[in-house]
Amino acid sequence: MAKVSLWTRIKNFFTGKKQPTLTDAKVKDGIWYAKLPDGNYLLGIDESVYQLMGKITFADFPTQLNNLQVEDDLLDIEGDKSVETLKSPIAGTVIAKNDAIGKDIETLNEPNPQVNWIVKVRPAQ
């Protein structure tokens, strides 16, 4: 995963945004997932997807993205080389969704967890 730039860290410091700690991120089938200090998980697109698909040109969330089971559809993406449906590596309740994905597809083409995250999930008990 790409490192967060110094400028982004400074901006986050002054705006009060905490950057996710992704040192222990795991990857499954093109999705990275990292446990955050609050116990929830942040999920995003792994660099391996960019290598296989090329530039991502379209992305869409499934219509019902509230409760996830392992292997549920997480994000439909189209790239220069293929079309894929990324699957969830964990089960839980979606508590935040990156709405910027639908507004600016270029955010997904940056291998940076600050911008290419997909959802934040409260894990199932």
C-alpha atoms as a PDB file:
ATOM      1  CA  MET A   1       0.000   0.000   0.000  1.00  0.00           C
ATOM      2  CA  ALA A   2       1.143   3.518  -0.724  1.00  0.00           C
ATOM      3  CA  LYS A   3       2.435   5.669   2.074  1.00  0.00           C
ATOM      4  CA  VAL A   4       0.453   8.746   3.054  1.00  0.00           C
ATOM      5  CA  SER A   5       2.210  11.917   1.960  1.00  0.00           C
ATOM      6  CA  LEU A   6       3.606  14.388   4.453  1.00  0.00           C
ATOM      7  CA  TRP A   7       1.184  17.012   3.161  1.00  0.00           C
ATOM      8  CA  THR A   8      -1.808  14.734   3.798  1.00  0.00           C
ATOM      9  CA  ARG A   9      -0.594  13.969   7.316  1.00  0.00           C
ATOM     10  CA  ILE A  10      -0.188  17.682   8.063  1.00  0.00           C
ATOM     11  CA  LYS A  11      -3.631  18.477   6.639  1.00  0.00           C
ATOM     12  CA  ASN A  12      -5.188  15.644   8.662  1.00  0.00           C
ATOM     13  CA  PHE A  13      -3.473  16.896  11.811  1.00  0.00           C
ATOM     14  CA  PHE A  14      -4.976  20.367  11.448  1.00  0.00           C
ATOM     15  CA  THR A  15      -8.424  19.188  10.382  1.00  0.00           C
ATOM     16  CA  GLY A  16      -8.589  16.589  13.144  1.00  0.00           C
ATOM     17  CA  LYS A  17      -8.884  13.657  10.751  1.00  0.00           C
ATOM     18  CA  LYS A  18      -7.149  10.550  11.959  1.00  0.00           C
ATOM     19  CA  GLN A  19      -5.549   8.421   9.322  1.00  0.00           C
ATOM     20  CA  PRO A  20      -6.314   4.733   9.550  1.00  0.00           C
ATOM     21  CA  THR A  21      -3.529   2.593  10.910  1.00  0.00           C
ATOM     22  CA  LEU A  22      -3.024   0.027   8.207  1.00  0.00           C
ATOM     23  CA  THR A  23       0.197  -1.567   9.333  1.00  0.00           C
ATOM     24  CA  ASP A  24      -1.581  -4.853  10.016  1.00  0.00           C
ATOM     25  CA  ALA A  25      -3.693  -4.858   6.862  1.00  0.00           C
ATOM     26  CA  LYS A  26      -4.476  -8.229   5.332  1.00  0.00           C
ATOM     27  CA  VAL A  27      -5.417  -8.924   1.722  1.00  0.00           C
ATOM     28  CA  LYS A  28      -7.958 -11.387   0.367  1.00  0.00           C
ATOM     29  CA  ASP A  29      -9.022 -11.573  -3.281  1.00  0.00           C
ATOM     30  CA  GLY A  30      -8.016  -7.998  -4.098  1.00  0.00           C
ATOM     31  CA  ILE A  31      -9.481  -6.386  -0.970  1.00  0.00           C
ATOM     32  CA  TRP A  32      -7.298  -5.113   1.856  1.00  0.00           C
ATOM     33  CA  TYR A  33      -8.873  -4.959   5.289  1.00  0.00           C
ATOM     34  CA  ALA A  34      -7.424  -3.449   8.425  1.00  0.00           C
ATOM     35  CA  LYS A  35      -8.664  -3.375  11.990  1.00  0.00           C
ATOM     36  CA  LEU A  36      -8.916   0.186  13.266  1.00  0.00           C
ATOM     37  CA  PRO A  37      -8.290   1.282  16.865  1.00  0.00           C
ATOM     38  CA  ASP A  38     -12.073   1.472  17.458  1.00  0.00           C
ATOM     39  CA  GLY A  39     -12.436  -2.256  16.628  1.00  0.00           C
ATOM     40  CA  ASN A  40     -14.081  -1.687  13.237  1.00  0.00           C
ATOM     41  CA  TYR A  41     -12.540  -2.621   9.891  1.00  0.00           C
ATOM     42  CA  LEU A  42     -11.707  -0.482   6.892  1.00  0.00           C
ATOM     43  CA  LEU A  43     -11.825  -2.223   3.501  1.00  0.00           C
ATOM     44  CA  GLY A  44     -10.285  -1.030   0.258  1.00  0.00           C
ATOM     45  CA  ILE A  45      -8.870  -2.030  -3.105  1.00  0.00           C
ATOM     46  CA  ASP A  46      -5.469  -3.723  -3.070  1.00  0.00           C
ATOM     47  CA  GLU A  47      -2.734  -2.776  -5.541  1.00  0.00           C
ATOM     48  CA  SER A  48      -2.993  -6.235  -7.144  1.00  0.00           C
ATOM     49  CA  VAL A  49      -6.369  -5.219  -8.619  1.00  0.00           C
ATOM     50  CA  TYR A  50      -4.766  -2.315 -10.482  1.00  0.00           C
ATOM     51  CA  GLN A  51      -2.119  -4.626 -11.895  1.00  0.00           C
ATOM     52  CA  LEU A  52      -4.771  -7.049 -13.192  1.00  0.00           C
ATOM     53  CA  MET A  53      -7.407  -4.570 -14.357  1.00  0.00           C
ATOM     54  CA  GLY A  54      -5.494  -1.475 -15.361  1.00  0.00           C
ATOM     55  CA  LYS A  55      -7.170   1.861 -14.773  1.00  0.00           C
ATOM     56  CA  ILE A  56     -10.582   1.589 -13.113  1.00  0.00           C
ATOM     57  CA  THR A  57     -13.201   3.306 -15.264  1.00  0.00           C
ATOM     58  CA  PHE A  58     -16.446   2.480 -13.426  1.00  0.00           C
ATOM     59  CA  ALA A  59     -17.505   1.376  -9.946  1.00  0.00           C
ATOM     60  CA  ASP A  60     -20.882   0.706  -8.377  1.00  0.00           C
ATOM     61  CA  PHE A  61     -22.030  -0.491  -4.966  1.00  0.00           C
ATOM     62  CA  PRO A  62     -24.601  -3.306  -4.750  1.00  0.00           C
ATOM     63  CA  THR A  63     -28.076  -1.945  -3.945  1.00  0.00           C
ATOM     64  CA  GLN A  64     -28.274  -3.646  -0.550  1.00  0.00           C
ATOM     65  CA  LEU A  65     -25.011  -2.879   1.207  1.00  0.00           C
ATOM     66  CA  ASN A  66     -25.981  -2.918   4.882  1.00  0.00           C
ATOM     67  CA  ASN A  67     -25.053  -6.284   6.345  1.00  0.00           C
ATOM     68  CA  LEU A  68     -22.200  -8.262   4.845  1.00  0.00           C
ATOM     69  CA  GLN A  69     -21.350 -11.923   4.981  1.00  0.00           C
ATOM     70  CA  VAL A  70     -17.998 -13.288   3.866  1.00  0.00           C
ATOM     71  CA  GLU A  71     -17.987 -13.453   0.040  1.00  0.00           C
ATOM     72  CA  ASP A  72     -20.923 -11.032  -0.376  1.00  0.00           C
ATOM     73  CA  ASP A  73     -20.628  -8.592  -3.291  1.00  0.00           C
ATOM     74  CA  LEU A  74     -18.831  -5.466  -2.130  1.00  0.00           C
ATOM     75  CA  LEU A  75     -18.122  -3.450  -5.272  1.00  0.00           C
ATOM     76  CA  ASP A  76     -18.597  -3.940  -9.009  1.00  0.00           C
ATOM     77  CA  ILE A  77     -15.710  -2.447 -10.977  1.00  0.00           C
ATOM     78  CA  GLU A  78     -14.775  -2.114 -14.628  1.00  0.00           C
ATOM     79  CA  GLY A  79     -11.229  -1.535 -15.770  1.00  0.00           C
ATOM     80  CA  ASP A  80      -9.266  -1.197 -18.975  1.00  0.00           C
ATOM     81  CA  LYS A  81      -8.669  -4.955 -19.028  1.00  0.00           C
ATOM     82  CA  SER A  82     -11.653  -6.617 -17.299  1.00  0.00           C
ATOM     83  CA  VAL A  83     -14.846  -6.407 -15.243  1.00  0.00           C
ATOM     84  CA  GLU A  84     -14.870  -7.779 -11.691  1.00  0.00           C
ATOM     85  CA  THR A  85     -17.044  -7.987  -8.604  1.00  0.00           C
ATOM     86  CA  LEU A  86     -14.996  -7.608  -5.444  1.00  0.00           C
ATOM     87  CA  LYS A  87     -16.167  -9.729  -2.509  1.00  0.00           C
ATOM     88  CA  SER A  88     -16.135  -8.978   1.208  1.00  0.00           C
ATOM     89  CA  PRO A  89     -13.414 -10.745   3.202  1.00  0.00           C
ATOM     90  CA  ILE A  90     -15.270 -10.213   6.510  1.00  0.00           C
ATOM     91  CA  ALA A  91     -18.805 -10.286   7.907  1.00  0.00           C
ATOM     92  CA  GLY A  92     -20.426  -7.365   9.672  1.00  0.00           C
ATOM     93  CA  THR A  93     -22.538  -4.226   9.428  1.00  0.00           C
ATOM     94  CA  VAL A  94     -21.578  -1.421   7.053  1.00  0.00           C
ATOM     95  CA  ILE A  95     -21.284   1.767   9.121  1.00  0.00           C
ATOM     96  CA  ALA A  96     -19.716   4.024   6.468  1.00  0.00           C
ATOM     97  CA  LYS A  97     -19.498   3.923   2.696  1.00  0.00           C
ATOM     98  CA  ASN A  98     -17.080   5.952   0.561  1.00  0.00           C
ATOM     99  CA  ASP A  99     -19.609   7.943  -1.463  1.00  0.00           C
ATOM    100  CA  ALA A 100     -16.783   9.762  -3.266  1.00  0.00           C
ATOM    101  CA  ILE A 101     -16.300   6.589  -5.329  1.00  0.00           C
ATOM    102  CA  GLY A 102     -19.457   7.240  -7.343  1.00  0.00           C
ATOM    103  CA  LYS A 103     -18.767  10.944  -7.746  1.00  0.00           C
ATOM    104  CA  ASP A 104     -15.109  10.809  -8.775  1.00  0.00           C
ATOM    105  CA  ILE A 105     -13.864   7.484 -10.146  1.00  0.00           C
ATOM    106  CA  GLU A 106     -10.286   8.764 -10.107  1.00  0.00           C
ATOM    107  CA  THR A 107     -10.261   8.344  -6.321  1.00  0.00           C
ATOM    108  CA  LEU A 108     -10.184   4.582  -6.868  1.00  0.00           C
ATOM    109  CA  ASN A 109      -7.173   4.818  -9.164  1.00  0.00           C
ATOM    110  CA  GLU A 110      -4.959   6.109  -6.371  1.00  0.00           C
ATOM    111  CA  PRO A 111      -3.445   3.252  -4.373  1.00  0.00           C
ATOM    112  CA  ASN A 112      -3.842   5.265  -1.179  1.00  0.00           C
ATOM    113  CA  PRO A 113      -5.997   3.993   1.707  1.00  0.00           C
ATOM    114  CA  GLN A 114      -7.048   7.561   2.505  1.00  0.00           C
ATOM    115  CA  VAL A 115      -8.959   7.808  -0.783  1.00  0.00           C
ATOM    116  CA  ASN A 116      -9.515   4.303  -2.181  1.00  0.00           C
ATOM    117  CA  TRP A 117     -11.256   2.764   0.825  1.00  0.00           C
ATOM    118  CA  ILE A 118     -14.639   1.231   0.072  1.00  0.00           C
ATOM    119  CA  VAL A 119     -16.482   0.702   3.368  1.00  0.00           C
ATOM    120  CA  LYS A 120     -16.037   0.743   7.113  1.00  0.00           C
ATOM    121  CA  VAL A 121     -17.521  -2.334   8.784  1.00  0.00           C
ATOM    122  CA  ARG A 122     -18.461  -3.185  12.371  1.00  0.00           C
ATOM    123  CA  PRO A 123     -17.525  -6.876  12.586  1.00  0.00           C
ATOM    124  CA  ALA A 124     -20.171  -9.486  13.346  1.00  0.00           C
ATOM    125  CA  GLN A 125     -20.070 -10.830  16.884  1.00  0.00           C
END
